[in-house]
Structure formats: structure tokens, C-alpha cells
């Protein structure tokens, strides 16, 4: 579908949007999840981003990567929510979030040719190599969707200590997955 966006109507417009959006939705969700601690809030933001992308589709320049544009919208949505409501803790400062967005852009071309199942398998293997205590922390946060405060109460640790441990684990897992994908 090479017609300019302005010429597309109804179903054609929706089809083109879905062609761009669906392959990027995992990356968009991962970006949001890396910046927002609360899973429910992450889902809300993802839905809000999808609506903004649809409403603002005429502003998208098809000569540029859709994923980059979408993650920029996601970053702006997270930052706007933080400024407006201050209702949900964000894992990173606005400057760190912008750096993360840049890192996603740098990584995207390398990961683009890798099937999600390869990424998932690499992550699974990396998690299996973690010490039992670290695996438990990952399960509590990501499988059981417990908040940092709930995990801290369960483990009798400070929320700050739990957050730092999770941050170190995410960084370690990211490096491990990247090494495995490069080796594959």
C-alpha cells in the first residue's frame, strides 16, 4: 500500500495502521514496561499510546521507522502522565527515559531480524542461570506482578533495596540476552 496516508480512507487506513503497529507493539509495550513499575498502569499507557498513534497517524512520516515514532509517542505519554498526575511511580528519571528511548533505537535494527521466540528463549535461558534468590525476585515482580513495596514487605527489605536489586537484574538480563542473540 504505497498511497499517501491522506488518500487512504476507512478500512485501507486501518489496515495500513495495523501493518505498522502490530509488528511494533511488543517493542512499544517493552519500552513502556521498562519505565513504569505498575503493570496495570503500563497496560493503561499502552492503550493510550495506541489511541494517540491512531489519532495522530497523519503526522507520521512513512519514510521514517514507525517503531521510533511510536516509542517517541510512548515516552511523551509517560512523561506527560508523570508531570500531570504524579500518580504512578516511574522507574527512571525523564533524562534516563530519553536515554532508554535512544538505546531502543540503537538496538531495534539488530533485533528486528530476530524472531520473538528467539528473544524469549534467550531470556528464559538467562533467567535460569540466575541464582535462586534472583529468580525468586524476578518471579515476584514480573510473573506475580507484585509492586516493589509488596516485594519489600515480603522479603523484609527496604523498597529502595528491592528496586536497586531489580534494576541490577534487568541490566544483567539485558546484557545476557544481547550476548545470546549475537551468538545465535
C-alpha atoms as a PDB file:
ATOM      1  CA  UNK A   1       0.000   0.000   0.000  1.00  0.00           C
ATOM      2  CA  UNK A   2       2.005   2.908  -1.286  1.00  0.00           C
ATOM      3  CA  UNK A   3      -0.740   5.551  -1.357  1.00  0.00           C
ATOM      4  CA  UNK A   4      -0.076   8.604   0.816  1.00  0.00           C
ATOM      5  CA  UNK A   5      -1.864   8.460   4.143  1.00  0.00           C
ATOM      6  CA  UNK A   6      -4.086  11.406   3.286  1.00  0.00           C
ATOM      7  CA  UNK A   7      -5.554   9.437   0.352  1.00  0.00           C
ATOM      8  CA  UNK A   8      -6.424   6.382   2.436  1.00  0.00           C
ATOM      9  CA  UNK A   9      -9.965   6.047   3.734  1.00  0.00           C
ATOM     10  CA  UNK A  10     -11.695   3.812   6.280  1.00  0.00           C
ATOM     11  CA  UNK A  11     -10.595   0.192   6.059  1.00  0.00           C
ATOM     12  CA  UNK A  12      -7.499   0.960   3.978  1.00  0.00           C
ATOM     13  CA  UNK A  13      -6.297   3.453   6.575  1.00  0.00           C
ATOM     14  CA  UNK A  14      -6.957   0.998   9.381  1.00  0.00           C
ATOM     15  CA  UNK A  15      -5.164  -1.805   7.501  1.00  0.00           C
ATOM     16  CA  UNK A  16      -2.093   0.349   6.938  1.00  0.00           C
ATOM     17  CA  UNK A  17      -2.025   1.419  10.578  1.00  0.00           C
ATOM     18  CA  UNK A  18      -2.210  -2.217  11.703  1.00  0.00           C
ATOM     19  CA  UNK A  19       0.586  -3.197   9.287  1.00  0.00           C
ATOM     20  CA  UNK A  20       2.824  -0.676  11.002  1.00  0.00           C
ATOM     21  CA  UNK A  21       1.547  -1.031  14.575  1.00  0.00           C
ATOM     22  CA  UNK A  22       1.240  -4.795  15.090  1.00  0.00           C
ATOM     23  CA  UNK A  23       4.909  -5.682  14.442  1.00  0.00           C
ATOM     24  CA  UNK A  24       5.979  -2.896  16.833  1.00  0.00           C
ATOM     25  CA  UNK A  25       3.509  -3.456  19.668  1.00  0.00           C
ATOM     26  CA  UNK A  26       5.875  -5.734  21.608  1.00  0.00           C
ATOM     27  CA  UNK A  27       8.653  -3.162  21.388  1.00  0.00           C
ATOM     28  CA  UNK A  28       6.300  -0.349  22.423  1.00  0.00           C
ATOM     29  CA  UNK A  29       4.994  -2.359  25.382  1.00  0.00           C
ATOM     30  CA  UNK A  30       8.549  -3.314  26.411  1.00  0.00           C
ATOM     31  CA  UNK A  31       9.600   0.325  26.285  1.00  0.00           C
ATOM     32  CA  UNK A  32       6.670   1.383  28.478  1.00  0.00           C
ATOM     33  CA  UNK A  33       7.239  -1.534  30.863  1.00  0.00           C
ATOM     34  CA  UNK A  34      10.877  -0.536  31.261  1.00  0.00           C
ATOM     35  CA  UNK A  35       9.793   2.875  32.512  1.00  0.00           C
ATOM     36  CA  UNK A  36       6.631   2.149  34.532  1.00  0.00           C
ATOM     37  CA  UNK A  37       6.641  -0.183  37.531  1.00  0.00           C
ATOM     38  CA  UNK A  38       2.930  -0.860  37.811  1.00  0.00           C
ATOM     39  CA  UNK A  39       1.753  -3.463  35.279  1.00  0.00           C
ATOM     40  CA  UNK A  40      -1.838  -2.169  35.229  1.00  0.00           C
ATOM     41  CA  UNK A  41      -0.573   1.369  34.640  1.00  0.00           C
ATOM     42  CA  UNK A  42       1.685   0.025  31.885  1.00  0.00           C
ATOM     43  CA  UNK A  43      -1.339  -1.532  30.171  1.00  0.00           C
ATOM     44  CA  UNK A  44      -3.289   1.723  30.500  1.00  0.00           C
ATOM     45  CA  UNK A  45      -0.433   3.708  28.994  1.00  0.00           C
ATOM     46  CA  UNK A  46      -0.057   1.187  26.158  1.00  0.00           C
ATOM     47  CA  UNK A  47      -3.741   1.615  25.276  1.00  0.00           C
ATOM     48  CA  UNK A  48      -3.425   5.382  25.482  1.00  0.00           C
ATOM     49  CA  UNK A  49      -0.362   5.290  23.200  1.00  0.00           C
ATOM     50  CA  UNK A  50      -2.212   3.118  20.668  1.00  0.00           C
ATOM     51  CA  UNK A  51      -5.061   5.655  20.604  1.00  0.00           C
ATOM     52  CA  UNK A  52      -2.681   8.582  20.196  1.00  0.00           C
ATOM     53  CA  UNK A  53      -0.874   6.779  17.376  1.00  0.00           C
ATOM     54  CA  UNK A  54      -4.180   6.177  15.602  1.00  0.00           C
ATOM     55  CA  UNK A  55      -5.406   9.756  16.103  1.00  0.00           C
ATOM     56  CA  UNK A  56      -2.061  11.265  15.070  1.00  0.00           C
ATOM     57  CA  UNK A  57      -1.415   8.916  12.144  1.00  0.00           C
ATOM     58  CA  UNK A  58      -1.492  11.810   9.667  1.00  0.00           C
ATOM     59  CA  UNK A  59       1.531  13.287  11.468  1.00  0.00           C
ATOM     60  CA  UNK A  60       3.601  10.123  10.912  1.00  0.00           C
ATOM     61  CA  UNK A  61       6.191  10.320   8.132  1.00  0.00           C
ATOM     62  CA  UNK A  62       6.233   6.862   6.458  1.00  0.00           C
ATOM     63  CA  UNK A  63       9.827   7.446   5.316  1.00  0.00           C
ATOM     64  CA  UNK A  64      10.928   7.053   8.945  1.00  0.00           C
ATOM     65  CA  UNK A  65      10.661   3.898  11.091  1.00  0.00           C
ATOM     66  CA  UNK A  66       7.218   3.542  12.652  1.00  0.00           C
ATOM     67  CA  UNK A  67       8.662   1.977  15.813  1.00  0.00           C
ATOM     68  CA  UNK A  68      10.847   5.000  16.508  1.00  0.00           C
ATOM     69  CA  UNK A  69       7.881   7.334  16.136  1.00  0.00           C
ATOM     70  CA  UNK A  70       5.689   5.099  18.311  1.00  0.00           C
ATOM     71  CA  UNK A  71       8.274   4.869  21.104  1.00  0.00           C
ATOM     72  CA  UNK A  72       8.653   8.646  20.992  1.00  0.00           C
ATOM     73  CA  UNK A  73       4.895   8.960  21.480  1.00  0.00           C
ATOM     74  CA  UNK A  74       5.127   6.420  24.323  1.00  0.00           C
ATOM     75  CA  UNK A  75       7.926   8.370  26.019  1.00  0.00           C
ATOM     76  CA  UNK A  76       5.953  11.601  25.741  1.00  0.00           C
ATOM     77  CA  UNK A  77       2.827   9.903  27.107  1.00  0.00           C
ATOM     78  CA  UNK A  78       4.699   8.510  30.120  1.00  0.00           C
ATOM     79  CA  UNK A  79       6.351  11.863  30.817  1.00  0.00           C
ATOM     80  CA  UNK A  80       3.045  13.725  30.452  1.00  0.00           C
ATOM     81  CA  UNK A  81       1.378  11.330  32.885  1.00  0.00           C
ATOM     82  CA  UNK A  82       4.206  11.810  35.341  1.00  0.00           C
ATOM     83  CA  UNK A  83       4.028  15.596  35.105  1.00  0.00           C
ATOM     84  CA  UNK A  84       0.234  15.812  35.194  1.00  0.00           C
ATOM     85  CA  UNK A  85      -0.690  13.292  37.844  1.00  0.00           C
ATOM     86  CA  UNK A  86       2.364  12.139  39.739  1.00  0.00           C
ATOM     87  CA  UNK A  87       0.144   9.148  40.476  1.00  0.00           C
ATOM     88  CA  UNK A  88       2.327   6.253  39.377  1.00  0.00           C
ATOM     89  CA  UNK A  89       5.980   5.774  40.185  1.00  0.00           C
ATOM     90  CA  UNK A  90       8.264   5.699  37.162  1.00  0.00           C
ATOM     91  CA  UNK A  91      11.368   3.538  37.261  1.00  0.00           C
ATOM     92  CA  UNK A  92      13.535   6.158  35.580  1.00  0.00           C
ATOM     93  CA  UNK A  93      14.043   9.892  35.505  1.00  0.00           C
ATOM     94  CA  UNK A  94      12.914  11.764  32.361  1.00  0.00           C
ATOM     95  CA  UNK A  95      16.559  12.024  31.232  1.00  0.00           C
ATOM     96  CA  UNK A  96      17.101   8.301  31.732  1.00  0.00           C
ATOM     97  CA  UNK A  97      13.884   7.567  29.848  1.00  0.00           C
ATOM     98  CA  UNK A  98      15.104   9.570  26.872  1.00  0.00           C
ATOM     99  CA  UNK A  99      18.401   7.667  27.024  1.00  0.00           C
ATOM    100  CA  UNK A 100      16.438   4.405  27.100  1.00  0.00           C
ATOM    101  CA  UNK A 101      14.468   5.509  24.051  1.00  0.00           C
ATOM    102  CA  UNK A 102      17.756   6.150  22.248  1.00  0.00           C
ATOM    103  CA  UNK A 103      19.026   2.717  23.305  1.00  0.00           C
ATOM    104  CA  UNK A 104      15.865   1.096  21.918  1.00  0.00           C
ATOM    105  CA  UNK A 105      16.504   2.862  18.626  1.00  0.00           C
ATOM    106  CA  UNK A 106      20.080   1.625  18.529  1.00  0.00           C
ATOM    107  CA  UNK A 107      19.054  -1.923  19.367  1.00  0.00           C
ATOM    108  CA  UNK A 108      15.994  -2.104  17.080  1.00  0.00           C
ATOM    109  CA  UNK A 109      17.834  -2.765  13.800  1.00  0.00           C
ATOM    110  CA  UNK A 110      19.825  -5.600  15.383  1.00  0.00           C
ATOM    111  CA  UNK A 111      16.795  -7.219  16.986  1.00  0.00           C
ATOM    112  CA  UNK A 112      14.454  -6.641  14.046  1.00  0.00           C
ATOM    113  CA  UNK A 113      15.564  -9.821  12.262  1.00  0.00           C
ATOM    114  CA  UNK A 114      15.286 -11.976  15.390  1.00  0.00           C
ATOM    115  CA  UNK A 115      12.013 -13.792  15.956  1.00  0.00           C
ATOM    116  CA  UNK A 116      10.336 -13.030  19.298  1.00  0.00           C
ATOM    117  CA  UNK A 117      10.604 -16.709  20.179  1.00  0.00           C
ATOM    118  CA  UNK A 118      14.406 -16.404  19.968  1.00  0.00           C
ATOM    119  CA  UNK A 119      14.341 -13.425  22.304  1.00  0.00           C
ATOM    120  CA  UNK A 120      12.008 -15.194  24.701  1.00  0.00           C
ATOM    121  CA  UNK A 121      14.159 -18.322  24.653  1.00  0.00           C
ATOM    122  CA  UNK A 122      17.290 -16.275  25.319  1.00  0.00           C
ATOM    123  CA  UNK A 123      15.573 -14.536  28.226  1.00  0.00           C
ATOM    124  CA  UNK A 124      14.341 -17.857  29.629  1.00  0.00           C
ATOM    125  CA  UNK A 125      17.863 -19.276  29.495  1.00  0.00           C
ATOM    126  CA  UNK A 126      19.322 -16.170  31.116  1.00  0.00           C
ATOM    127  CA  UNK A 127      16.770 -16.303  33.936  1.00  0.00           C
ATOM    128  CA  UNK A 128      17.522 -19.993  34.504  1.00  0.00           C
ATOM    129  CA  UNK A 129      21.204 -19.115  35.007  1.00  0.00           C
ATOM    130  CA  UNK A 130      20.387 -16.639  37.785  1.00  0.00           C
ATOM    131  CA  UNK A 131      20.871 -17.651  41.420  1.00  0.00           C
ATOM    132  CA  UNK A 132      17.683 -18.935  43.106  1.00  0.00           C
ATOM    133  CA  UNK A 133      17.237 -15.736  45.102  1.00  0.00           C
ATOM    134  CA  UNK A 134      17.378 -13.618  41.947  1.00  0.00           C
ATOM    135  CA  UNK A 135      14.982 -15.934  40.105  1.00  0.00           C
ATOM    136  CA  UNK A 136      12.566 -15.575  43.007  1.00  0.00           C
ATOM    137  CA  UNK A 137      12.775 -11.786  42.822  1.00  0.00           C
ATOM    138  CA  UNK A 138      12.113 -11.849  39.060  1.00  0.00           C
ATOM    139  CA  UNK A 139       9.092 -14.148  39.583  1.00  0.00           C
ATOM    140  CA  UNK A 140       7.628 -11.928  42.303  1.00  0.00           C
ATOM    141  CA  UNK A 141       7.927  -8.790  40.187  1.00  0.00           C
ATOM    142  CA  UNK A 142       7.139  -9.988  36.668  1.00  0.00           C
ATOM    143  CA  UNK A 143       5.172 -13.218  36.946  1.00  0.00           C
ATOM    144  CA  UNK A 144       3.208 -12.364  40.095  1.00  0.00           C
ATOM    145  CA  UNK A 145       3.097  -8.615  39.265  1.00  0.00           C
ATOM    146  CA  UNK A 146       3.817  -7.579  42.843  1.00  0.00           C
ATOM    147  CA  UNK A 147       4.735  -3.975  43.482  1.00  0.00           C
ATOM    148  CA  UNK A 148       8.185  -3.102  44.774  1.00  0.00           C
ATOM    149  CA  UNK A 149       6.613  -2.213  48.134  1.00  0.00           C
ATOM    150  CA  UNK A 150       4.861  -5.604  48.357  1.00  0.00           C
ATOM    151  CA  UNK A 151       8.068  -7.447  47.496  1.00  0.00           C
ATOM    152  CA  UNK A 152       9.976  -5.409  50.071  1.00  0.00           C
ATOM    153  CA  UNK A 153       7.419  -6.288  52.759  1.00  0.00           C
ATOM    154  CA  UNK A 154       7.540  -9.965  51.808  1.00  0.00           C
ATOM    155  CA  UNK A 155      11.340 -10.091  51.846  1.00  0.00           C
ATOM    156  CA  UNK A 156      11.698  -7.768  54.861  1.00  0.00           C
ATOM    157  CA  UNK A 157      13.845  -5.338  52.879  1.00  0.00           C
ATOM    158  CA  UNK A 158      13.535  -1.681  52.067  1.00  0.00           C
ATOM    159  CA  UNK A 159      11.735  -0.766  48.824  1.00  0.00           C
ATOM    160  CA  UNK A 160      14.912   1.039  47.757  1.00  0.00           C
ATOM    161  CA  UNK A 161      16.972  -2.140  48.181  1.00  0.00           C
ATOM    162  CA  UNK A 162      14.425  -4.143  46.175  1.00  0.00           C
ATOM    163  CA  UNK A 163      14.341  -1.516  43.421  1.00  0.00           C
ATOM    164  CA  UNK A 164      18.136  -1.477  43.187  1.00  0.00           C
ATOM    165  CA  UNK A 165      18.263  -5.275  43.042  1.00  0.00           C
ATOM    166  CA  UNK A 166      15.616  -5.333  40.281  1.00  0.00           C
ATOM    167  CA  UNK A 167      17.482  -2.667  38.369  1.00  0.00           C
ATOM    168  CA  UNK A 168      20.710  -4.665  38.527  1.00  0.00           C
ATOM    169  CA  UNK A 169      18.850  -7.812  37.469  1.00  0.00           C
ATOM    170  CA  UNK A 170      17.229  -6.089  34.474  1.00  0.00           C
ATOM    171  CA  UNK A 171      20.606  -4.776  33.353  1.00  0.00           C
ATOM    172  CA  UNK A 172      22.224  -8.179  33.801  1.00  0.00           C
ATOM    173  CA  UNK A 173      19.417  -9.953  31.934  1.00  0.00           C
ATOM    174  CA  UNK A 174      19.517  -7.437  29.098  1.00  0.00           C
ATOM    175  CA  UNK A 175      23.251  -7.989  28.616  1.00  0.00           C
ATOM    176  CA  UNK A 176      22.818 -11.755  28.801  1.00  0.00           C
ATOM    177  CA  UNK A 177      20.010 -11.741  26.199  1.00  0.00           C
ATOM    178  CA  UNK A 178      22.014  -9.488  23.880  1.00  0.00           C
ATOM    179  CA  UNK A 179      25.041 -11.815  24.146  1.00  0.00           C
ATOM    180  CA  UNK A 180      22.904 -14.864  23.370  1.00  0.00           C
ATOM    181  CA  UNK A 181      21.218 -13.190  20.396  1.00  0.00           C
ATOM    182  CA  UNK A 182      24.569 -12.072  18.966  1.00  0.00           C
ATOM    183  CA  UNK A 183      25.920 -15.610  19.365  1.00  0.00           C
ATOM    184  CA  UNK A 184      22.886 -17.132  17.637  1.00  0.00           C
END
